[in-house]
Amino acid sequence: MKKLIFVSLIIFLAGCQSAYYAAWEKVGVEKRDILVDRVEDAKESQEDAQKQFSSALDEFSQIVSYNGGELQDVYNQLKNQFEASEQSAASVTSRIDKVESVAEALFDEWEEELEKYTNNNLKRESQNRLRDTQRRYKSLVSSMKKAESKMEPVLSALRDNVLYLKHNLNASAIGALQGEFNGIKKEINQLVLEMNKAISESNSFISSMKSK
């Protein structure tokens, strides 16, 4: 029962970040632990997005190879893939935002606490660790955001094609989509490539944080 009450309190305090982190610290969960958890969550959302965008590409491939059937079904399938891709992209963005939020709080706290040291050697060592962590974090977020930036062009292209098919439910519309396929395929392949890089950066960052 106490655990349930505490979890409810954490959820309630989520709107106030400082109170949220303070509540977790009371049970021994530090900001660095939350950062690692959020990087793992962000990595998982990128892995899910990779699968979803690849699934959308597969669906698009089948549509441009259309050789008969109910066009309304073809439209519904592409629309469903677009909406699922849109949701995956939103999840990626949300989780990157959460990573940035706790990282900012962690680094601010770390900077402030450096001034509390009386032992210069320990202070210098902690300061070096901070700079190294910030460097790794900067590389991580840069990679995540680069992958994130590749999502909107893909979503825009999928959105355009979904709308076009919606307004032109005929066989000639499929022919028009065929001309779009190679461009979308190229963009999705680039997106998957950048996400692979971001996922690799995430694994490296998580490993470095857990080894300290």
Protein backbone atom coordinates (compact mmCIF):
# COMPACT_ATOMS: atom_id res chain seq x y z
CA MET A 1 0.00 0.00 0.00
CA LYS A 2 2.84 2.41 0.88
CA LYS A 3 4.51 1.69 -2.47
CA LEU A 4 1.26 2.43 -4.29
CA ILE A 5 0.88 5.74 -2.43
CA PHE A 6 4.47 6.70 -3.26
CA VAL A 7 4.05 5.89 -6.95
CA SER A 8 0.86 7.96 -6.99
CA LEU A 9 2.77 10.83 -5.39
CA ILE A 10 5.53 10.55 -8.02
CA ILE A 11 2.95 10.75 -10.81
CA PHE A 12 1.32 13.76 -9.15
CA LEU A 13 4.67 15.53 -8.80
CA ALA A 14 5.66 14.86 -12.42
CA GLY A 15 4.34 18.30 -13.33
CA CYS A 16 6.92 19.90 -11.03
CA GLN A 17 10.31 18.53 -12.00
CA SER A 18 12.24 19.62 -8.92
CA ALA A 19 9.68 18.03 -6.58
CA TYR A 20 9.59 14.95 -8.82
CA TYR A 21 13.36 14.40 -8.59
CA ALA A 22 13.35 15.15 -4.87
CA ALA A 23 10.70 12.49 -4.29
CA TRP A 24 12.77 9.86 -6.10
CA GLU A 25 15.93 10.88 -4.23
CA LYS A 26 14.17 10.15 -0.95
CA VAL A 27 14.07 6.48 -1.95
CA GLY A 28 17.64 6.43 -3.26
CA VAL A 29 17.00 7.06 -6.96
CA GLU A 30 19.35 9.80 -8.16
CA LYS A 31 19.07 11.96 -11.28
CA ARG A 32 21.81 9.95 -12.99
CA ASP A 33 19.68 6.81 -12.53
CA ILE A 34 16.66 8.56 -14.02
CA LEU A 35 18.81 9.79 -16.91
CA VAL A 36 19.98 6.25 -17.70
CA ASP A 37 16.39 4.98 -17.55
CA ARG A 38 15.20 7.73 -19.88
CA VAL A 39 17.99 7.13 -22.36
CA GLU A 40 16.98 3.47 -22.39
CA ASP A 41 13.35 4.49 -22.97
CA ALA A 42 14.39 6.80 -25.81
CA LYS A 43 16.45 4.02 -27.37
CA GLU A 44 13.47 1.65 -27.20
CA SER A 45 11.20 4.24 -28.83
CA GLN A 46 13.70 4.62 -31.66
CA GLU A 47 13.85 0.87 -32.13
CA ASP A 48 10.05 0.78 -32.27
CA ALA A 49 10.01 3.66 -34.75
CA GLN A 50 12.52 1.86 -36.95
CA LYS A 51 10.22 -1.14 -37.14
CA GLN A 52 7.16 1.01 -37.77
CA PHE A 53 8.67 3.09 -40.57
CA SER A 54 10.02 -0.08 -42.18
CA SER A 55 6.53 -1.57 -41.93
CA ALA A 56 5.10 1.54 -43.61
CA LEU A 57 7.64 1.16 -46.41
CA ASP A 58 6.63 -2.49 -46.88
CA GLU A 59 2.98 -1.47 -47.06
CA PHE A 60 3.78 1.29 -49.56
CA SER A 61 5.73 -1.22 -51.64
CA GLN A 62 2.72 -3.52 -51.79
CA ILE A 63 0.41 -0.67 -52.73
CA VAL A 64 2.51 0.50 -55.67
CA SER A 65 2.49 -3.11 -56.89
CA TYR A 66 -1.32 -3.03 -56.85
CA ASN A 67 -2.89 -5.31 -59.42
CA GLY A 68 -6.52 -5.21 -58.48
CA GLY A 69 -8.71 -5.25 -55.39
CA GLU A 70 -10.73 -2.84 -53.28
CA LEU A 71 -9.10 0.59 -53.45
CA GLN A 72 -10.74 1.68 -50.19
CA ASP A 73 -8.89 -1.15 -48.44
CA VAL A 74 -5.63 -0.03 -50.04
CA TYR A 75 -6.21 3.51 -48.76
CA ASN A 76 -7.12 2.32 -45.25
CA GLN A 77 -3.96 0.22 -45.01
CA LEU A 78 -1.70 3.11 -46.01
CA LYS A 79 -3.58 5.50 -43.71
CA ASN A 80 -3.17 3.11 -40.76
CA GLN A 81 0.55 2.83 -41.42
CA PHE A 82 0.91 6.61 -41.60
CA GLU A 83 -0.96 7.14 -38.33
CA ALA A 84 1.10 4.47 -36.57
CA SER A 85 4.30 6.09 -37.89
CA GLU A 86 3.09 9.48 -36.66
CA GLN A 87 2.51 8.06 -33.17
CA SER A 88 5.95 6.42 -33.15
CA ALA A 89 7.58 9.71 -34.14
CA ALA A 90 5.73 11.56 -31.37
CA SER A 91 6.94 8.98 -28.84
CA VAL A 92 10.55 9.44 -29.97
CA THR A 93 10.30 13.22 -29.62
CA SER A 94 8.64 12.99 -26.20
CA ARG A 95 11.30 10.67 -24.83
CA ILE A 96 14.16 12.78 -26.16
CA ASP A 97 12.58 15.78 -24.41
CA LYS A 98 12.51 13.82 -21.16
CA VAL A 99 16.17 12.89 -21.55
CA GLU A 100 17.07 16.56 -22.02
CA SER A 101 15.00 17.61 -19.02
CA VAL A 102 16.68 15.31 -16.50
CA ALA A 103 20.15 15.84 -18.00
CA GLU A 104 19.83 19.59 -17.55
CA ALA A 105 18.80 19.09 -13.91
CA LEU A 106 21.64 16.62 -13.31
CA PHE A 107 24.35 18.86 -14.76
CA ASP A 108 23.08 21.96 -12.95
CA GLU A 109 23.13 20.08 -9.65
CA TRP A 110 26.58 18.66 -10.35
CA GLU A 111 27.99 22.13 -11.14
CA GLU A 112 26.52 23.54 -7.92
CA GLU A 113 27.85 20.71 -5.78
CA LEU A 114 31.39 21.15 -7.11
CA GLU A 115 31.54 24.31 -5.01
CA LYS A 116 30.92 22.31 -1.85
CA TYR A 117 34.20 20.38 -2.06
CA THR A 118 36.99 21.26 0.35
CA ASN A 119 39.40 18.69 -1.13
CA ASN A 120 40.76 20.13 -4.38
CA ASN A 121 41.90 16.78 -5.74
CA LEU A 122 38.44 15.25 -5.33
CA LYS A 123 36.86 18.37 -6.76
CA ARG A 124 39.13 18.23 -9.82
CA GLU A 125 38.36 14.55 -10.37
CA SER A 126 34.62 15.16 -10.08
CA GLN A 127 34.86 18.11 -12.43
CA ASN A 128 36.68 15.97 -15.01
CA ARG A 129 33.98 13.32 -14.72
CA LEU A 130 31.33 15.96 -15.24
CA ARG A 131 33.01 17.29 -18.38
CA ASP A 132 33.42 13.77 -19.76
CA THR A 133 29.76 12.95 -19.07
CA GLN A 134 28.65 16.21 -20.68
CA ARG A 135 30.77 15.45 -23.74
CA ARG A 136 29.26 11.98 -24.09
CA TYR A 137 25.77 13.36 -23.51
CA LYS A 138 26.20 16.09 -26.13
CA SER A 139 27.23 13.47 -28.70
CA LEU A 140 24.26 11.30 -27.73
CA VAL A 141 21.65 14.04 -28.02
CA SER A 142 23.14 15.28 -31.28
CA SER A 143 22.78 11.79 -32.73
CA MET A 144 19.23 11.40 -31.38
CA LYS A 145 18.12 14.72 -32.79
CA LYS A 146 19.70 14.04 -36.17
CA ALA A 147 17.68 10.82 -36.38
CA GLU A 148 14.59 12.65 -35.12
CA SER A 149 14.95 15.27 -37.87
CA LYS A 150 14.73 12.54 -40.50
CA MET A 151 11.24 11.56 -39.39
CA GLU A 152 9.28 14.64 -40.44
CA PRO A 153 10.24 14.50 -44.15
CA VAL A 154 9.11 10.86 -44.22
CA LEU A 155 5.87 11.69 -42.41
CA SER A 156 5.22 14.59 -44.79
CA ALA A 157 5.71 12.35 -47.81
CA LEU A 158 3.47 9.64 -46.36
CA ARG A 159 0.84 12.24 -45.41
CA ASP A 160 0.83 13.67 -48.94
CA ASN A 161 0.39 10.25 -50.48
CA VAL A 162 -2.36 9.25 -48.07
CA LEU A 163 -4.26 12.45 -48.87
CA TYR A 164 -3.73 12.02 -52.59
CA LEU A 165 -5.04 8.47 -52.48
CA LYS A 166 -7.99 9.56 -50.35
CA HIS A 167 -9.02 12.17 -52.92
CA ASN A 168 -8.32 9.97 -55.95
CA LEU A 169 -9.53 6.45 -55.25
CA ASN A 170 -8.83 5.06 -58.69
CA ALA A 171 -6.22 2.92 -60.41
CA SER A 172 -4.47 5.93 -61.93
CA ALA A 173 -3.79 7.25 -58.42
CA ILE A 174 -1.76 4.11 -57.72
CA GLY A 175 0.32 4.93 -60.79
CA ALA A 176 1.05 8.39 -59.35
CA LEU A 177 2.17 6.83 -56.05
CA GLN A 178 4.59 4.59 -57.88
CA GLY A 179 6.58 7.67 -58.85
CA GLU A 180 6.87 8.61 -55.16
CA PHE A 181 8.04 5.23 -53.91
CA ASN A 182 11.78 5.50 -54.59
CA GLY A 183 12.02 8.88 -52.86
CA ILE A 184 10.19 7.64 -49.77
CA LYS A 185 12.28 4.45 -49.73
CA LYS A 186 15.48 6.50 -49.78
CA GLU A 187 14.28 8.75 -46.93
CA ILE A 188 13.20 5.82 -44.75
CA ASN A 189 16.50 4.02 -45.34
CA GLN A 190 18.36 7.19 -44.28
CA LEU A 191 16.12 7.44 -41.21
CA VAL A 192 16.83 3.84 -40.21
CA LEU A 193 20.56 4.43 -40.69
CA GLU A 194 20.58 7.51 -38.45
CA MET A 195 18.50 5.72 -35.83
CA ASN A 196 21.00 2.87 -35.81
CA LYS A 197 23.72 5.41 -35.04
CA ALA A 198 21.62 6.99 -32.27
CA ILE A 199 20.85 3.57 -30.77
CA SER A 200 24.57 2.73 -30.79
CA GLU A 201 25.33 6.07 -29.08
CA SER A 202 22.63 5.29 -26.50
CA ASN A 203 24.15 1.91 -25.69
CA SER A 204 27.59 3.49 -25.33
CA PHE A 205 26.29 6.26 -23.05
CA ILE A 206 24.31 3.83 -20.86
CA SER A 207 27.38 1.60 -20.53
CA SER A 208 29.59 4.54 -19.54
CA MET A 209 27.10 5.77 -16.93
CA LYS A 210 26.72 2.33 -15.36
CA SER A 211 30.49 1.84 -15.15
CA LYS A 212 31.03 5.01 -13.11
